[in-house]
Each structure stands twice: as C-alpha cells, then as structure tokens.
Amino acid sequence: MRKDLIRTAQLLDRDVERTLGARHRKIVRFETSVVAILDGPDIDDVLVEHVQQTVHHTVNSTWPACPLHSKHPLWYEDGAWWCTQEHVRIAALGELSAPPAQR
C-alpha cells in the first residue's frame, strides 16, 4: 500500500474517532482496503470521499458537521475540510475537533 494512502487513512481515522467515536473507525479500515486496489494521483481524495459517503449513508448524513452552521457537512478539498457555504477552510485532514456535546 502506498505510504501517502496510509498517511491519509491515519488522518481520516483520527477525524472519524474524534467526531463519531472509535467504533466507526472500521469504516476507514474497510474503505482503505477497497481503495488500496485502485491507482492514480487522486487516490487520497478518493479514500476521503468513500469514507464520507459511507458515513453519510450509514451513520450521519451531515458528517463532518460544519461548526459554523451545524446543518450541513464540511467537504474535503486540498487536504482540508471546508465550509462551502462560507468558502472557508475549517481544519486540515486529521485536525477536526470533537463536537461540543462530546468535549
């Protein structure tokens, strides 16, 4: 497995654990195994997209929730999570904070 994919999986795993809880880390492991068979320059983006879509379909449709609005998810672009409504970078991958209720 490519080192950059492993690093992306580790950072994504951190975001999932902080925002959803450790039990949902299995989503990252599963999607990493699926994406690992692919190749291409945007493989890291594909992993984040796969994990986010799986979480949206199975756990929480607004993950990761925008801390500015709480009603929509952040979207991943250029190595970070963004609020697309405000066009502002919220956190680098792996640096999401736990929601206020979990702090």
N, C-alpha and C. Protein backbone atom coordinates (compact mmCIF):
# COMPACT_ATOMS: atom_id res chain seq x y z
N MET A 1 0.85 -1.18 0.00
CA MET A 1 0.00 0.00 0.00
C MET A 1 0.90 1.24 0.00
N ARG A 2 0.49 2.23 -0.73
CA ARG A 2 1.27 3.47 -0.84
C ARG A 2 1.33 4.21 0.49
N LYS A 3 2.51 4.78 0.79
CA LYS A 3 2.70 5.49 2.06
C LYS A 3 1.75 6.68 2.19
N ASP A 4 1.49 7.38 1.09
CA ASP A 4 0.59 8.53 1.17
C ASP A 4 -0.84 8.10 1.48
N LEU A 5 -1.25 6.94 0.98
CA LEU A 5 -2.58 6.42 1.28
C LEU A 5 -2.67 6.01 2.75
N ILE A 6 -1.62 5.41 3.25
CA ILE A 6 -1.58 5.02 4.66
C ILE A 6 -1.69 6.26 5.55
N ARG A 7 -0.95 7.30 5.20
CA ARG A 7 -0.99 8.54 5.99
C ARG A 7 -2.38 9.18 5.95
N THR A 8 -2.99 9.20 4.77
CA THR A 8 -4.34 9.76 4.65
C THR A 8 -5.32 8.95 5.50
N ALA A 9 -5.19 7.63 5.47
CA ALA A 9 -6.07 6.77 6.28
C ALA A 9 -5.89 7.06 7.77
N GLN A 10 -4.65 7.28 8.21
CA GLN A 10 -4.40 7.58 9.62
C GLN A 10 -5.05 8.90 10.03
N LEU A 11 -4.91 9.91 9.19
CA LEU A 11 -5.50 11.21 9.50
C LEU A 11 -7.03 11.15 9.49
N LEU A 12 -7.57 10.45 8.52
CA LEU A 12 -9.02 10.29 8.41
C LEU A 12 -9.55 9.51 9.61
N ASP A 13 -8.81 8.50 10.02
CA ASP A 13 -9.17 7.70 11.18
C ASP A 13 -9.25 8.59 12.43
N ARG A 14 -8.32 9.51 12.57
CA ARG A 14 -8.32 10.45 13.69
C ARG A 14 -9.58 11.32 13.66
N ASP A 15 -9.92 11.82 12.47
CA ASP A 15 -11.13 12.65 12.36
C ASP A 15 -12.39 11.86 12.70
N VAL A 16 -12.46 10.63 12.22
CA VAL A 16 -13.63 9.79 12.50
C VAL A 16 -13.73 9.51 13.99
N GLU A 17 -12.63 9.15 14.61
CA GLU A 17 -12.66 8.84 16.04
C GLU A 17 -13.07 10.07 16.87
N ARG A 18 -12.51 11.21 16.56
CA ARG A 18 -12.83 12.43 17.32
C ARG A 18 -14.27 12.87 17.15
N THR A 19 -14.82 12.70 15.96
CA THR A 19 -16.15 13.26 15.68
C THR A 19 -17.29 12.24 15.79
N LEU A 20 -16.99 10.96 15.58
CA LEU A 20 -18.03 9.94 15.60
C LEU A 20 -17.83 8.89 16.68
N GLY A 21 -16.61 8.71 17.12
CA GLY A 21 -16.31 7.68 18.10
C GLY A 21 -15.50 6.55 17.50
N ALA A 22 -14.77 5.87 18.35
CA ALA A 22 -13.84 4.82 17.92
C ALA A 22 -14.52 3.68 17.18
N ARG A 23 -15.74 3.37 17.51
CA ARG A 23 -16.40 2.23 16.86
C ARG A 23 -16.58 2.42 15.36
N HIS A 24 -16.54 3.64 14.89
CA HIS A 24 -16.73 3.92 13.46
C HIS A 24 -15.42 3.91 12.67
N ARG A 25 -14.31 3.67 13.35
CA ARG A 25 -13.02 3.59 12.66
C ARG A 25 -13.00 2.42 11.68
N LYS A 26 -13.85 1.43 11.90
CA LYS A 26 -13.91 0.28 10.98
C LYS A 26 -14.28 0.73 9.56
N ILE A 27 -15.00 1.82 9.44
CA ILE A 27 -15.36 2.35 8.12
C ILE A 27 -14.09 2.76 7.37
N VAL A 28 -13.19 3.42 8.07
CA VAL A 28 -11.94 3.85 7.44
C VAL A 28 -11.12 2.63 7.03
N ARG A 29 -11.02 1.65 7.89
CA ARG A 29 -10.26 0.44 7.55
C ARG A 29 -10.84 -0.26 6.33
N PHE A 30 -12.16 -0.41 6.30
CA PHE A 30 -12.79 -1.08 5.17
C PHE A 30 -12.58 -0.31 3.88
N GLU A 31 -12.87 0.98 3.90
CA GLU A 31 -12.74 1.78 2.67
C GLU A 31 -11.29 1.88 2.21
N THR A 32 -10.35 1.87 3.15
CA THR A 32 -8.93 1.88 2.76
C THR A 32 -8.59 0.60 2.01
N SER A 33 -9.12 -0.53 2.47
CA SER A 33 -8.84 -1.79 1.77
C SER A 33 -9.46 -1.80 0.37
N VAL A 34 -10.60 -1.16 0.21
CA VAL A 34 -11.26 -1.08 -1.09
C VAL A 34 -10.45 -0.17 -2.03
N VAL A 35 -10.09 1.00 -1.54
CA VAL A 35 -9.40 1.99 -2.35
C VAL A 35 -7.96 1.57 -2.66
N ALA A 36 -7.36 0.76 -1.80
CA ALA A 36 -5.95 0.37 -1.98
C ALA A 36 -5.71 -0.37 -3.29
N ILE A 37 -6.73 -0.98 -3.86
CA ILE A 37 -6.54 -1.70 -5.12
C ILE A 37 -6.56 -0.76 -6.33
N LEU A 38 -6.97 0.47 -6.10
CA LEU A 38 -7.01 1.46 -7.18
C LEU A 38 -5.65 2.13 -7.32
N ASP A 39 -5.49 2.87 -8.37
CA ASP A 39 -4.27 3.62 -8.57
C ASP A 39 -4.62 4.96 -9.18
N GLY A 40 -3.77 5.92 -9.00
CA GLY A 40 -3.99 7.22 -9.59
C GLY A 40 -3.51 8.32 -8.68
N PRO A 41 -3.36 9.51 -9.23
CA PRO A 41 -2.82 10.62 -8.45
C PRO A 41 -3.78 11.14 -7.38
N ASP A 42 -5.05 10.91 -7.50
CA ASP A 42 -6.04 11.43 -6.55
C ASP A 42 -6.57 10.36 -5.61
N ILE A 43 -5.80 9.32 -5.37
CA ILE A 43 -6.27 8.19 -4.57
C ILE A 43 -6.63 8.62 -3.15
N ASP A 44 -5.91 9.59 -2.60
CA ASP A 44 -6.21 10.08 -1.25
C ASP A 44 -7.59 10.74 -1.21
N ASP A 45 -7.88 11.54 -2.23
CA ASP A 45 -9.19 12.18 -2.32
C ASP A 45 -10.30 11.14 -2.45
N VAL A 46 -10.01 10.09 -3.19
CA VAL A 46 -10.99 9.01 -3.37
C VAL A 46 -11.28 8.34 -2.03
N LEU A 47 -10.26 8.10 -1.23
CA LEU A 47 -10.46 7.49 0.08
C LEU A 47 -11.35 8.36 0.96
N VAL A 48 -11.05 9.64 1.04
CA VAL A 48 -11.86 10.54 1.88
C VAL A 48 -13.30 10.56 1.38
N GLU A 49 -13.48 10.62 0.08
CA GLU A 49 -14.83 10.63 -0.49
C GLU A 49 -15.58 9.33 -0.16
N HIS A 50 -14.91 8.19 -0.29
CA HIS A 50 -15.55 6.90 0.03
C HIS A 50 -15.98 6.85 1.50
N VAL A 51 -15.08 7.26 2.38
CA VAL A 51 -15.41 7.23 3.81
C VAL A 51 -16.58 8.18 4.10
N GLN A 52 -16.52 9.38 3.55
CA GLN A 52 -17.59 10.34 3.82
C GLN A 52 -18.93 9.82 3.30
N GLN A 53 -18.95 9.25 2.12
CA GLN A 53 -20.21 8.74 1.57
C GLN A 53 -20.74 7.57 2.39
N THR A 54 -19.86 6.69 2.85
CA THR A 54 -20.30 5.58 3.69
C THR A 54 -20.88 6.09 5.01
N VAL A 55 -20.21 7.06 5.61
CA VAL A 55 -20.73 7.65 6.85
C VAL A 55 -22.08 8.32 6.59
N HIS A 56 -22.20 9.04 5.49
CA HIS A 56 -23.47 9.70 5.16
C HIS A 56 -24.60 8.69 5.02
N HIS A 57 -24.32 7.54 4.44
CA HIS A 57 -25.36 6.54 4.20
C HIS A 57 -25.66 5.66 5.40
N THR A 58 -24.72 5.57 6.35
CA THR A 58 -24.92 4.61 7.43
C THR A 58 -24.93 5.19 8.84
N VAL A 59 -24.37 6.39 9.02
CA VAL A 59 -24.21 6.91 10.38
C VAL A 59 -24.82 8.30 10.54
N ASN A 60 -24.37 9.25 9.72
CA ASN A 60 -24.76 10.65 9.91
C ASN A 60 -24.63 11.38 8.58
N SER A 61 -25.72 11.88 8.06
CA SER A 61 -25.73 12.50 6.73
C SER A 61 -25.08 13.88 6.69
N THR A 62 -24.68 14.40 7.84
CA THR A 62 -24.01 15.70 7.83
C THR A 62 -22.57 15.61 8.35
N TRP A 63 -21.97 14.42 8.26
CA TRP A 63 -20.60 14.26 8.74
C TRP A 63 -19.59 14.71 7.71
N PRO A 64 -18.55 15.38 8.16
CA PRO A 64 -18.42 16.05 9.45
C PRO A 64 -19.22 17.34 9.45
N ALA A 65 -19.95 17.55 10.49
CA ALA A 65 -20.84 18.72 10.55
C ALA A 65 -20.03 20.02 10.58
N CYS A 66 -20.51 20.98 9.86
CA CYS A 66 -19.88 22.30 9.82
C CYS A 66 -20.04 22.97 11.19
N PRO A 67 -18.96 23.37 11.82
CA PRO A 67 -19.08 24.03 13.12
C PRO A 67 -19.67 25.43 13.04
N LEU A 68 -19.73 25.99 11.85
CA LEU A 68 -20.31 27.32 11.68
C LEU A 68 -21.82 27.27 11.54
N HIS A 69 -22.33 26.18 10.97
CA HIS A 69 -23.77 26.11 10.67
C HIS A 69 -24.46 24.88 11.25
N SER A 70 -23.75 23.81 11.48
CA SER A 70 -24.26 22.55 12.06
C SER A 70 -25.32 21.84 11.23
N LYS A 71 -25.75 22.42 10.13
CA LYS A 71 -26.83 21.83 9.34
C LYS A 71 -26.34 21.17 8.05
N HIS A 72 -25.06 21.30 7.76
CA HIS A 72 -24.53 20.71 6.53
C HIS A 72 -23.13 20.17 6.80
N PRO A 73 -22.68 19.23 5.97
CA PRO A 73 -21.34 18.69 6.17
C PRO A 73 -20.26 19.61 5.62
N LEU A 74 -19.08 19.43 6.15
CA LEU A 74 -17.90 20.02 5.54
C LEU A 74 -17.53 19.15 4.35
N TRP A 75 -16.80 19.71 3.42
CA TRP A 75 -16.36 18.95 2.24
C TRP A 75 -14.85 19.01 2.16
N TYR A 76 -14.26 17.90 1.73
CA TYR A 76 -12.82 17.77 1.66
C TYR A 76 -12.28 18.29 0.34
N GLU A 77 -11.25 19.13 0.43
CA GLU A 77 -10.60 19.65 -0.76
C GLU A 77 -9.20 20.13 -0.37
N ASP A 78 -8.23 19.83 -1.20
CA ASP A 78 -6.85 20.30 -0.99
C ASP A 78 -6.32 19.98 0.40
N GLY A 79 -6.61 18.78 0.90
CA GLY A 79 -6.06 18.36 2.18
C GLY A 79 -6.74 18.90 3.41
N ALA A 80 -7.92 19.50 3.22
CA ALA A 80 -8.61 20.10 4.37
C ALA A 80 -10.12 19.98 4.24
N TRP A 81 -10.80 20.19 5.36
CA TRP A 81 -12.25 20.22 5.42
C TRP A 81 -12.70 21.67 5.27
N TRP A 82 -13.67 21.91 4.40
CA TRP A 82 -14.13 23.27 4.07
C TRP A 82 -15.62 23.42 4.27
N CYS A 83 -16.01 24.61 4.73
CA CYS A 83 -17.42 25.03 4.70
C CYS A 83 -17.61 25.64 3.32
N THR A 84 -18.42 25.00 2.51
CA THR A 84 -18.61 25.50 1.15
C THR A 84 -19.60 26.67 1.11
N GLN A 85 -20.39 26.84 2.15
CA GLN A 85 -21.30 27.99 2.18
C GLN A 85 -20.53 29.30 2.40
N GLU A 86 -19.52 29.25 3.25
CA GLU A 86 -18.73 30.44 3.55
C GLU A 86 -17.41 30.47 2.77
N HIS A 87 -17.11 29.37 2.09
CA HIS A 87 -15.84 29.24 1.35
C HIS A 87 -14.65 29.45 2.27
N VAL A 88 -14.69 28.75 3.42
CA VAL A 88 -13.64 28.90 4.41
C VAL A 88 -13.12 27.52 4.83
N ARG A 89 -11.80 27.47 5.00
CA ARG A 89 -11.14 26.25 5.47
C ARG A 89 -11.37 26.13 6.97
N ILE A 90 -11.85 24.95 7.40
CA ILE A 90 -12.15 24.74 8.81
C ILE A 90 -11.01 24.01 9.52
N ALA A 91 -10.51 22.94 8.91
CA ALA A 91 -9.45 22.15 9.55
C ALA A 91 -8.74 21.29 8.51
N ALA A 92 -7.46 21.08 8.76
CA ALA A 92 -6.71 20.14 7.94
C ALA A 92 -7.21 18.73 8.22
N LEU A 93 -7.03 17.83 7.28
CA LEU A 93 -7.38 16.43 7.50
C LEU A 93 -6.64 15.94 8.73
N GLY A 94 -7.37 15.30 9.63
CA GLY A 94 -6.80 14.79 10.87
C GLY A 94 -6.87 15.77 12.03
N GLU A 95 -7.39 16.97 11.77
CA GLU A 95 -7.41 18.01 12.81
C GLU A 95 -8.82 18.45 13.20
N LEU A 96 -9.85 17.69 12.84
CA LEU A 96 -11.20 18.03 13.28
C LEU A 96 -11.32 17.93 14.78
N SER A 97 -12.10 18.80 15.35
CA SER A 97 -12.36 18.78 16.79
C SER A 97 -13.64 17.99 17.06
N ALA A 98 -13.72 17.46 18.25
CA ALA A 98 -14.95 16.78 18.67
C ALA A 98 -16.08 17.80 18.72
N PRO A 99 -17.30 17.37 18.38
CA PRO A 99 -18.45 18.28 18.50
C PRO A 99 -18.59 18.74 19.95
N PRO A 100 -19.18 19.91 20.18
CA PRO A 100 -19.32 20.46 21.54
C PRO A 100 -19.92 19.48 22.54
N ALA A 101 -20.88 18.66 22.12
CA ALA A 101 -21.52 17.72 23.04
C ALA A 101 -20.56 16.63 23.51
N GLN A 102 -19.48 16.38 22.76
CA GLN A 102 -18.53 15.33 23.13
C GLN A 102 -17.32 15.86 23.89
N ARG A 103 -17.16 17.17 24.00
CA ARG A 103 -15.99 17.75 24.65
C ARG A 103 -16.09 17.68 26.15
